[in-house]
Amino acid sequence: MSDDYLNYEKLVEDALRTVVREALKGVSSQGVPAGHHLYISFRTQADGVQISENLRTQFPDEMTIVLENQFWDLKVDDDQFRVTLNFNKVPQELVVPLSAISRFADQRANFGLQFGRDASIDRSQEMVGSATSDRIDLDPQVTEQDGNNSGRKVIALDAFRKN
């Protein structure tokens, strides 16, 4: 008897994406708690991602957005979220399926999730951008904590994968 239907990796990823969805639902109804910044990285080429061609050109593989103070119209559905952010003082709506999310972090809570990696993306050559308010910053790994990663809780699913 085959146990292929017991795809634990997919079950765990689906459960962890529920954590992201529920956190975003809380933010959509009550706002971001004081001092928190939600970093959400997603694959810009994934099915269902809706961003402007300008952003897709600027971030061809992955993009990181930060939900802090200046975002509007955050709506969270079972399988995606949409939000409006300013890019160079121009409001743009983004639609991101939860399945396109590659990383989620809340610096204040020292919490992070990293989802399965897309083998077609060479992470060592990747330029990740962070869009927040009216600016686009490169390398969101350096935060107000000056890159101090001590105490961070990041759950990387790659540690549980079989080779």
N, C-alpha and C. Protein backbone atom coordinates (compact mmCIF):
# COMPACT_ATOMS: atom_id res chain seq x y z
N MET A 1 0.84 -1.18 0.00
CA MET A 1 0.00 0.00 0.00
C MET A 1 0.89 1.25 0.00
N SER A 2 0.61 2.16 -0.87
CA SER A 2 1.41 3.37 -1.00
C SER A 2 0.94 4.42 0.01
N ASP A 3 1.90 5.14 0.60
CA ASP A 3 1.53 6.19 1.54
C ASP A 3 1.73 7.57 0.92
N ASP A 4 1.68 7.67 -0.41
CA ASP A 4 1.85 8.94 -1.09
C ASP A 4 0.80 9.97 -0.70
N TYR A 5 -0.36 9.52 -0.30
CA TYR A 5 -1.41 10.45 0.10
C TYR A 5 -1.07 11.12 1.44
N LEU A 6 -0.11 10.59 2.17
CA LEU A 6 0.33 11.19 3.44
C LEU A 6 1.49 12.14 3.16
N ASN A 7 1.23 13.16 2.44
CA ASN A 7 2.26 14.14 2.09
C ASN A 7 2.41 15.10 3.27
N TYR A 8 3.19 14.68 4.25
CA TYR A 8 3.33 15.46 5.49
C TYR A 8 3.91 16.84 5.23
N GLU A 9 4.83 16.93 4.32
CA GLU A 9 5.43 18.23 4.00
C GLU A 9 4.36 19.24 3.58
N LYS A 10 3.47 18.80 2.69
CA LYS A 10 2.40 19.69 2.23
C LYS A 10 1.43 20.00 3.37
N LEU A 11 1.12 19.01 4.18
CA LEU A 11 0.21 19.23 5.31
C LEU A 11 0.79 20.26 6.28
N VAL A 12 2.07 20.17 6.57
CA VAL A 12 2.71 21.12 7.49
C VAL A 12 2.74 22.51 6.87
N GLU A 13 3.11 22.61 5.59
CA GLU A 13 3.13 23.92 4.94
C GLU A 13 1.75 24.56 4.93
N ASP A 14 0.72 23.77 4.64
CA ASP A 14 -0.64 24.29 4.65
C ASP A 14 -1.02 24.80 6.04
N ALA A 15 -0.64 24.05 7.07
CA ALA A 15 -0.96 24.46 8.44
C ALA A 15 -0.23 25.75 8.80
N LEU A 16 1.01 25.87 8.41
CA LEU A 16 1.77 27.09 8.72
C LEU A 16 1.27 28.29 7.93
N ARG A 17 0.79 28.07 6.73
CA ARG A 17 0.19 29.18 5.97
C ARG A 17 -1.08 29.67 6.66
N THR A 18 -1.74 28.77 7.38
CA THR A 18 -2.91 29.18 8.17
C THR A 18 -2.48 30.17 9.25
N VAL A 19 -1.32 29.98 9.83
CA VAL A 19 -0.79 30.93 10.83
C VAL A 19 -0.65 32.31 10.19
N VAL A 20 -0.09 32.35 8.99
CA VAL A 20 0.07 33.63 8.27
C VAL A 20 -1.29 34.25 7.99
N ARG A 21 -2.22 33.44 7.50
CA ARG A 21 -3.56 33.94 7.18
C ARG A 21 -4.24 34.52 8.42
N GLU A 22 -4.16 33.82 9.53
CA GLU A 22 -4.83 34.30 10.75
C GLU A 22 -4.16 35.56 11.30
N ALA A 23 -2.83 35.64 11.20
CA ALA A 23 -2.14 36.87 11.62
C ALA A 23 -2.58 38.05 10.75
N LEU A 24 -2.67 37.83 9.45
CA LEU A 24 -3.11 38.90 8.55
C LEU A 24 -4.56 39.28 8.79
N LYS A 25 -5.40 38.31 9.12
CA LYS A 25 -6.80 38.63 9.44
C LYS A 25 -6.87 39.53 10.67
N GLY A 26 -6.04 39.24 11.68
CA GLY A 26 -6.00 40.08 12.87
C GLY A 26 -5.56 41.49 12.54
N VAL A 27 -4.56 41.61 11.69
CA VAL A 27 -4.07 42.93 11.29
C VAL A 27 -5.12 43.67 10.47
N SER A 28 -5.84 42.95 9.63
CA SER A 28 -6.86 43.62 8.80
C SER A 28 -8.00 44.17 9.65
N SER A 29 -8.30 43.54 10.77
CA SER A 29 -9.40 44.01 11.60
C SER A 29 -8.97 44.96 12.71
N GLN A 30 -7.72 44.79 13.21
CA GLN A 30 -7.30 45.60 14.36
C GLN A 30 -6.05 46.43 14.11
N GLY A 31 -5.43 46.28 12.95
CA GLY A 31 -4.20 47.01 12.66
C GLY A 31 -2.98 46.27 13.19
N VAL A 32 -1.81 46.77 12.83
CA VAL A 32 -0.56 46.17 13.28
C VAL A 32 -0.30 46.63 14.72
N PRO A 33 -0.06 45.71 15.63
CA PRO A 33 0.24 46.11 17.01
C PRO A 33 1.46 47.03 17.06
N ALA A 34 1.49 47.94 18.00
CA ALA A 34 2.58 48.91 18.13
C ALA A 34 3.93 48.20 18.17
N GLY A 35 4.83 48.70 17.36
CA GLY A 35 6.19 48.18 17.33
C GLY A 35 6.39 46.97 16.44
N HIS A 36 5.34 46.41 15.89
CA HIS A 36 5.45 45.22 15.04
C HIS A 36 5.59 45.64 13.58
N HIS A 37 6.34 44.86 12.84
CA HIS A 37 6.49 45.02 11.39
C HIS A 37 6.36 43.62 10.80
N LEU A 38 5.42 43.42 9.92
CA LEU A 38 5.25 42.11 9.30
C LEU A 38 5.98 42.10 7.96
N TYR A 39 6.98 41.24 7.84
CA TYR A 39 7.73 41.07 6.60
C TYR A 39 7.15 39.87 5.88
N ILE A 40 6.75 40.09 4.64
CA ILE A 40 6.17 39.01 3.85
C ILE A 40 6.91 38.94 2.52
N SER A 41 7.61 37.85 2.30
CA SER A 41 8.30 37.62 1.02
C SER A 41 7.44 36.68 0.20
N PHE A 42 7.38 36.95 -1.10
CA PHE A 42 6.60 36.08 -1.97
C PHE A 42 7.24 36.00 -3.35
N ARG A 43 6.96 34.89 -4.02
CA ARG A 43 7.47 34.66 -5.37
C ARG A 43 6.60 35.44 -6.35
N THR A 44 7.19 36.38 -7.05
CA THR A 44 6.43 37.27 -7.93
C THR A 44 5.92 36.56 -9.19
N GLN A 45 6.51 35.43 -9.54
CA GLN A 45 6.08 34.70 -10.74
C GLN A 45 5.07 33.58 -10.42
N ALA A 46 4.72 33.42 -9.17
CA ALA A 46 3.81 32.34 -8.78
C ALA A 46 2.41 32.59 -9.35
N ASP A 47 1.71 31.50 -9.59
CA ASP A 47 0.33 31.59 -10.10
C ASP A 47 -0.52 32.42 -9.16
N GLY A 48 -1.29 33.34 -9.73
CA GLY A 48 -2.24 34.13 -8.96
C GLY A 48 -1.69 35.43 -8.40
N VAL A 49 -0.36 35.63 -8.43
CA VAL A 49 0.21 36.89 -7.95
C VAL A 49 -0.16 38.00 -8.93
N GLN A 50 -0.73 39.07 -8.40
CA GLN A 50 -1.11 40.22 -9.23
C GLN A 50 -0.37 41.44 -8.71
N ILE A 51 0.64 41.87 -9.48
CA ILE A 51 1.38 43.09 -9.19
C ILE A 51 1.61 43.80 -10.52
N SER A 52 1.96 45.07 -10.45
CA SER A 52 2.18 45.82 -11.69
C SER A 52 3.39 45.27 -12.43
N GLU A 53 3.41 45.48 -13.73
CA GLU A 53 4.55 45.03 -14.53
C GLU A 53 5.83 45.73 -14.10
N ASN A 54 5.71 46.97 -13.66
CA ASN A 54 6.86 47.71 -13.16
C ASN A 54 7.49 46.98 -11.96
N LEU A 55 6.67 46.56 -11.02
CA LEU A 55 7.18 45.83 -9.86
C LEU A 55 7.72 44.45 -10.26
N ARG A 56 7.03 43.80 -11.18
CA ARG A 56 7.48 42.47 -11.62
C ARG A 56 8.84 42.58 -12.32
N THR A 57 9.06 43.66 -13.05
CA THR A 57 10.35 43.88 -13.69
C THR A 57 11.42 44.16 -12.64
N GLN A 58 11.09 44.95 -11.66
CA GLN A 58 12.04 45.30 -10.62
C GLN A 58 12.36 44.12 -9.70
N PHE A 59 11.36 43.26 -9.47
CA PHE A 59 11.52 42.08 -8.60
C PHE A 59 11.07 40.84 -9.37
N PRO A 60 11.91 40.34 -10.28
CA PRO A 60 11.48 39.25 -11.17
C PRO A 60 11.26 37.91 -10.47
N ASP A 61 11.89 37.68 -9.33
CA ASP A 61 11.76 36.38 -8.68
C ASP A 61 11.03 36.46 -7.35
N GLU A 62 11.46 37.35 -6.49
CA GLU A 62 10.89 37.44 -5.15
C GLU A 62 10.88 38.90 -4.69
N MET A 63 9.88 39.21 -3.89
CA MET A 63 9.73 40.55 -3.35
C MET A 63 9.32 40.43 -1.89
N THR A 64 9.80 41.36 -1.09
CA THR A 64 9.42 41.41 0.32
C THR A 64 8.69 42.71 0.57
N ILE A 65 7.52 42.62 1.17
CA ILE A 65 6.77 43.80 1.57
C ILE A 65 6.76 43.86 3.09
N VAL A 66 6.59 45.05 3.60
CA VAL A 66 6.55 45.25 5.04
C VAL A 66 5.24 45.94 5.39
N LEU A 67 4.46 45.30 6.23
CA LEU A 67 3.22 45.90 6.71
C LEU A 67 3.52 46.51 8.07
N GLU A 68 3.45 47.82 8.12
CA GLU A 68 3.74 48.54 9.36
C GLU A 68 2.68 49.61 9.55
N ASN A 69 2.94 50.80 9.06
CA ASN A 69 2.02 51.93 9.26
C ASN A 69 1.22 52.29 8.02
N GLN A 70 1.88 52.34 6.89
CA GLN A 70 1.24 52.87 5.70
C GLN A 70 0.89 51.77 4.70
N PHE A 71 -0.26 51.18 4.91
CA PHE A 71 -0.85 50.25 3.96
C PHE A 71 -2.36 50.41 4.08
N TRP A 72 -3.06 50.04 3.02
CA TRP A 72 -4.50 50.27 2.98
C TRP A 72 -5.20 49.04 2.42
N ASP A 73 -6.47 48.95 2.76
CA ASP A 73 -7.38 47.96 2.17
C ASP A 73 -6.87 46.52 2.25
N LEU A 74 -6.30 46.14 3.39
CA LEU A 74 -5.87 44.76 3.56
C LEU A 74 -7.10 43.88 3.68
N LYS A 75 -7.23 42.94 2.75
CA LYS A 75 -8.33 41.99 2.74
C LYS A 75 -7.73 40.60 2.68
N VAL A 76 -8.20 39.73 3.54
CA VAL A 76 -7.65 38.38 3.63
C VAL A 76 -8.74 37.37 3.34
N ASP A 77 -8.50 36.53 2.36
CA ASP A 77 -9.41 35.43 2.02
C ASP A 77 -8.77 34.12 2.46
N ASP A 78 -9.46 33.03 2.20
CA ASP A 78 -8.93 31.72 2.60
C ASP A 78 -7.61 31.39 1.92
N ASP A 79 -7.44 31.83 0.67
CA ASP A 79 -6.25 31.42 -0.07
C ASP A 79 -5.37 32.56 -0.56
N GLN A 80 -5.71 33.81 -0.25
CA GLN A 80 -4.90 34.94 -0.70
C GLN A 80 -5.17 36.17 0.15
N PHE A 81 -4.30 37.18 -0.03
CA PHE A 81 -4.58 38.47 0.59
C PHE A 81 -4.31 39.54 -0.45
N ARG A 82 -4.91 40.69 -0.24
CA ARG A 82 -4.67 41.84 -1.10
C ARG A 82 -4.44 43.04 -0.21
N VAL A 83 -3.56 43.91 -0.66
CA VAL A 83 -3.21 45.09 0.11
C VAL A 83 -2.74 46.18 -0.85
N THR A 84 -2.95 47.42 -0.46
CA THR A 84 -2.46 48.54 -1.24
C THR A 84 -1.30 49.18 -0.49
N LEU A 85 -0.19 49.36 -1.20
CA LEU A 85 1.02 49.98 -0.68
C LEU A 85 1.45 51.09 -1.63
N ASN A 86 2.20 52.04 -1.11
CA ASN A 86 2.78 53.08 -1.95
C ASN A 86 4.16 52.65 -2.43
N PHE A 87 4.38 52.80 -3.72
CA PHE A 87 5.68 52.57 -4.32
C PHE A 87 6.06 53.87 -5.02
N ASN A 88 7.07 54.55 -4.49
CA ASN A 88 7.47 55.86 -5.02
C ASN A 88 6.28 56.81 -5.08
N LYS A 89 5.51 56.81 -3.99
CA LYS A 89 4.35 57.68 -3.80
C LYS A 89 3.19 57.37 -4.74
N VAL A 90 3.19 56.18 -5.34
CA VAL A 90 2.09 55.75 -6.21
C VAL A 90 1.43 54.54 -5.56
N PRO A 91 0.15 54.64 -5.18
CA PRO A 91 -0.52 53.48 -4.56
C PRO A 91 -0.72 52.36 -5.58
N GLN A 92 -0.41 51.14 -5.15
CA GLN A 92 -0.59 49.98 -6.01
C GLN A 92 -1.16 48.84 -5.19
N GLU A 93 -2.14 48.16 -5.76
CA GLU A 93 -2.71 47.01 -5.09
C GLU A 93 -1.94 45.75 -5.48
N LEU A 94 -1.65 44.93 -4.49
CA LEU A 94 -0.99 43.65 -4.71
C LEU A 94 -1.96 42.55 -4.27
N VAL A 95 -2.02 41.49 -5.04
CA VAL A 95 -2.80 40.31 -4.67
C VAL A 95 -1.80 39.16 -4.59
N VAL A 96 -1.74 38.54 -3.42
CA VAL A 96 -0.74 37.50 -3.18
C VAL A 96 -1.41 36.24 -2.64
N PRO A 97 -1.38 35.16 -3.41
CA PRO A 97 -1.88 33.89 -2.88
C PRO A 97 -1.00 33.44 -1.72
N LEU A 98 -1.58 32.84 -0.70
CA LEU A 98 -0.80 32.34 0.42
C LEU A 98 0.24 31.31 -0.04
N SER A 99 -0.08 30.59 -1.10
CA SER A 99 0.85 29.58 -1.62
C SER A 99 2.09 30.21 -2.24
N ALA A 100 2.06 31.50 -2.56
CA ALA A 100 3.22 32.19 -3.15
C ALA A 100 4.18 32.70 -2.08
N ILE A 101 3.76 32.71 -0.82
CA ILE A 101 4.60 33.24 0.26
C ILE A 101 5.77 32.30 0.50
N SER A 102 6.97 32.89 0.54
CA SER A 102 8.17 32.11 0.81
C SER A 102 8.69 32.34 2.22
N ARG A 103 8.42 33.53 2.78
CA ARG A 103 8.86 33.84 4.15
C ARG A 103 7.86 34.80 4.79
N PHE A 104 7.74 34.66 6.10
CA PHE A 104 6.89 35.54 6.89
C PHE A 104 7.62 35.76 8.21
N ALA A 105 7.71 37.02 8.63
CA ALA A 105 8.40 37.30 9.89
C ALA A 105 7.76 38.49 10.59
N ASP A 106 7.77 38.41 11.91
CA ASP A 106 7.38 39.52 12.77
C ASP A 106 8.57 39.75 13.70
N GLN A 107 9.34 40.78 13.40
CA GLN A 107 10.57 41.05 14.14
C GLN A 107 10.31 41.26 15.62
N ARG A 108 9.28 41.99 15.96
CA ARG A 108 8.99 42.30 17.36
C ARG A 108 8.72 41.04 18.17
N ALA A 109 8.04 40.09 17.54
CA ALA A 109 7.70 38.83 18.22
C ALA A 109 8.81 37.79 18.10
N ASN A 110 9.89 38.14 17.39
CA ASN A 110 10.98 37.17 17.14
C ASN A 110 10.42 35.88 16.55
N PHE A 111 9.56 36.03 15.54
CA PHE A 111 8.89 34.88 14.94
C PHE A 111 9.06 34.94 13.43
N GLY A 112 9.34 33.79 12.84
CA GLY A 112 9.45 33.74 11.39
C GLY A 112 9.16 32.36 10.85
N LEU A 113 8.67 32.33 9.64
CA LEU A 113 8.42 31.08 8.93
C LEU A 113 9.10 31.16 7.58
N GLN A 114 9.69 30.06 7.15
CA GLN A 114 10.27 29.98 5.82
C GLN A 114 9.66 28.77 5.15
N PHE A 115 9.07 28.99 3.99
CA PHE A 115 8.39 27.91 3.29
C PHE A 115 9.31 27.31 2.24
N GLY A 116 8.88 26.19 1.68
CA GLY A 116 9.68 25.46 0.70
C GLY A 116 10.26 26.36 -0.36
N ARG A 117 11.47 26.03 -0.75
CA ARG A 117 12.17 26.85 -1.72
C ARG A 117 11.88 26.37 -3.13
N ASP A 118 11.80 27.32 -4.03
CA ASP A 118 11.62 27.03 -5.44
C ASP A 118 13.00 26.74 -6.03
N ALA A 119 13.20 25.54 -6.53
CA ALA A 119 14.51 25.14 -7.02
C ALA A 119 14.98 25.99 -8.19
N SER A 120 14.07 26.67 -8.89
CA SER A 120 14.46 27.47 -10.04
C SER A 120 15.07 28.80 -9.63
N ILE A 121 14.99 29.16 -8.35
CA ILE A 121 15.54 30.43 -7.89
C ILE A 121 16.86 30.16 -7.20
N ASP A 122 17.92 30.81 -7.67
CA ASP A 122 19.23 30.71 -7.02
C ASP A 122 19.28 31.78 -5.95
N ARG A 123 19.08 31.40 -4.70
CA ARG A 123 18.99 32.34 -3.60
C ARG A 123 20.28 33.14 -3.40
N SER A 124 21.42 32.59 -3.78
CA SER A 124 22.67 33.32 -3.56
C SER A 124 22.78 34.51 -4.51
N GLN A 125 22.09 34.48 -5.63
CA GLN A 125 22.16 35.56 -6.60
C GLN A 125 20.93 36.47 -6.54
N GLU A 126 19.99 36.12 -5.71
CA GLU A 126 18.71 36.81 -5.68
C GLU A 126 18.81 38.17 -5.01
N MET A 127 18.17 39.16 -5.58
CA MET A 127 18.08 40.46 -4.94
C MET A 127 16.67 40.60 -4.43
N VAL A 128 16.54 40.67 -3.14
CA VAL A 128 15.23 40.76 -2.52
C VAL A 128 14.99 42.21 -2.18
N GLY A 129 13.82 42.71 -2.53
CA GLY A 129 13.49 44.08 -2.22
C GLY A 129 12.44 44.14 -1.15
N SER A 130 12.44 45.22 -0.43
CA SER A 130 11.45 45.44 0.60
C SER A 130 10.74 46.74 0.30
N ALA A 131 9.45 46.69 0.20
CA ALA A 131 8.70 47.89 -0.09
C ALA A 131 7.89 48.28 1.12
N THR A 132 8.09 49.48 1.57
CA THR A 132 7.33 49.99 2.70
C THR A 132 7.16 51.48 2.53
N SER A 133 6.01 51.96 2.84
CA SER A 133 5.69 53.38 2.73
C SER A 133 6.04 53.88 1.34
N ASP A 134 6.91 54.89 1.25
CA ASP A 134 7.24 55.48 -0.03
C ASP A 134 8.64 55.12 -0.49
N ARG A 135 9.19 54.03 0.00
CA ARG A 135 10.55 53.71 -0.40
C ARG A 135 10.66 52.22 -0.69
N ILE A 136 11.70 51.88 -1.40
CA ILE A 136 12.03 50.48 -1.63
C ILE A 136 13.45 50.29 -1.14
N ASP A 137 13.63 49.41 -0.17
CA ASP A 137 14.94 49.14 0.42
C ASP A 137 15.42 47.79 -0.06
N LEU A 138 16.72 47.66 -0.25
CA LEU A 138 17.29 46.37 -0.57
C LEU A 138 17.80 45.72 0.69
N ASP A 139 17.81 44.41 0.69
CA ASP A 139 18.29 43.60 1.80
C ASP A 139 17.51 43.85 3.08
N PRO A 140 16.28 43.33 3.17
CA PRO A 140 15.47 43.53 4.37
C PRO A 140 15.98 42.72 5.56
N GLN A 141 17.04 41.94 5.37
CA GLN A 141 17.55 41.15 6.49
C GLN A 141 18.13 42.05 7.58
N VAL A 142 18.56 43.26 7.22
CA VAL A 142 19.08 44.19 8.21
C VAL A 142 17.91 45.07 8.65
N THR A 143 17.56 44.98 9.90
CA THR A 143 16.40 45.68 10.42
C THR A 143 16.83 46.68 11.46
N GLU A 144 15.84 47.24 12.17
CA GLU A 144 16.19 48.18 13.22
C GLU A 144 17.05 47.53 14.28
N GLN A 145 17.04 46.22 14.33
CA GLN A 145 17.86 45.52 15.31
C GLN A 145 19.29 45.38 14.81
N ASP A 146 19.63 46.07 13.71
CA ASP A 146 20.98 46.05 13.14
C ASP A 146 21.46 44.63 12.83
N GLY A 147 20.55 43.83 12.33
CA GLY A 147 20.93 42.49 11.92
C GLY A 147 21.12 41.52 13.07
N ASN A 148 20.79 41.91 14.27
CA ASN A 148 20.93 41.01 15.42
C ASN A 148 19.84 39.95 15.35
N ASN A 149 20.23 38.73 15.07
CA ASN A 149 19.26 37.65 14.91
C ASN A 149 19.12 36.80 16.15
N SER A 150 19.74 37.20 17.25
CA SER A 150 19.67 36.39 18.45
C SER A 150 18.24 36.34 18.97
N GLY A 151 17.83 35.17 19.36
CA GLY A 151 16.49 35.01 19.91
C GLY A 151 15.42 34.82 18.86
N ARG A 152 15.76 34.87 17.60
CA ARG A 152 14.77 34.70 16.55
C ARG A 152 14.30 33.27 16.49
N LYS A 153 13.01 33.11 16.21
CA LYS A 153 12.45 31.78 16.04
C LYS A 153 12.02 31.66 14.59
N VAL A 154 12.85 31.05 13.75
CA VAL A 154 12.53 30.85 12.35
C VAL A 154 12.37 29.37 12.12
N ILE A 155 11.24 29.01 11.56
CA ILE A 155 10.97 27.61 11.28
C ILE A 155 11.19 27.40 9.79
N ALA A 156 12.27 26.71 9.45
CA ALA A 156 12.59 26.42 8.05
C ALA A 156 12.18 24.99 7.76
N LEU A 157 11.28 24.83 6.83
CA LEU A 157 10.78 23.49 6.53
C LEU A 157 11.81 22.63 5.83
N ASP A 158 12.85 23.24 5.24
CA ASP A 158 13.88 22.47 4.56
C ASP A 158 14.56 21.48 5.49
N ALA A 159 14.62 21.77 6.77
CA ALA A 159 15.25 20.88 7.73
C ALA A 159 14.52 19.54 7.84
N PHE A 160 13.26 19.52 7.45
CA PHE A 160 12.45 18.31 7.57
C PHE A 160 12.30 17.56 6.26
N ARG A 161 12.88 18.08 5.20
CA ARG A 161 12.75 17.45 3.88
C ARG A 161 13.68 16.26 3.75
N LYS A 162 13.21 15.25 3.05
CA LYS A 162 14.08 14.11 2.71
C LYS A 162 14.77 14.43 1.42
N ASN A 163 16.01 14.03 1.29
CA ASN A 163 16.78 14.28 0.05
C ASN A 163 16.44 13.27 -1.00
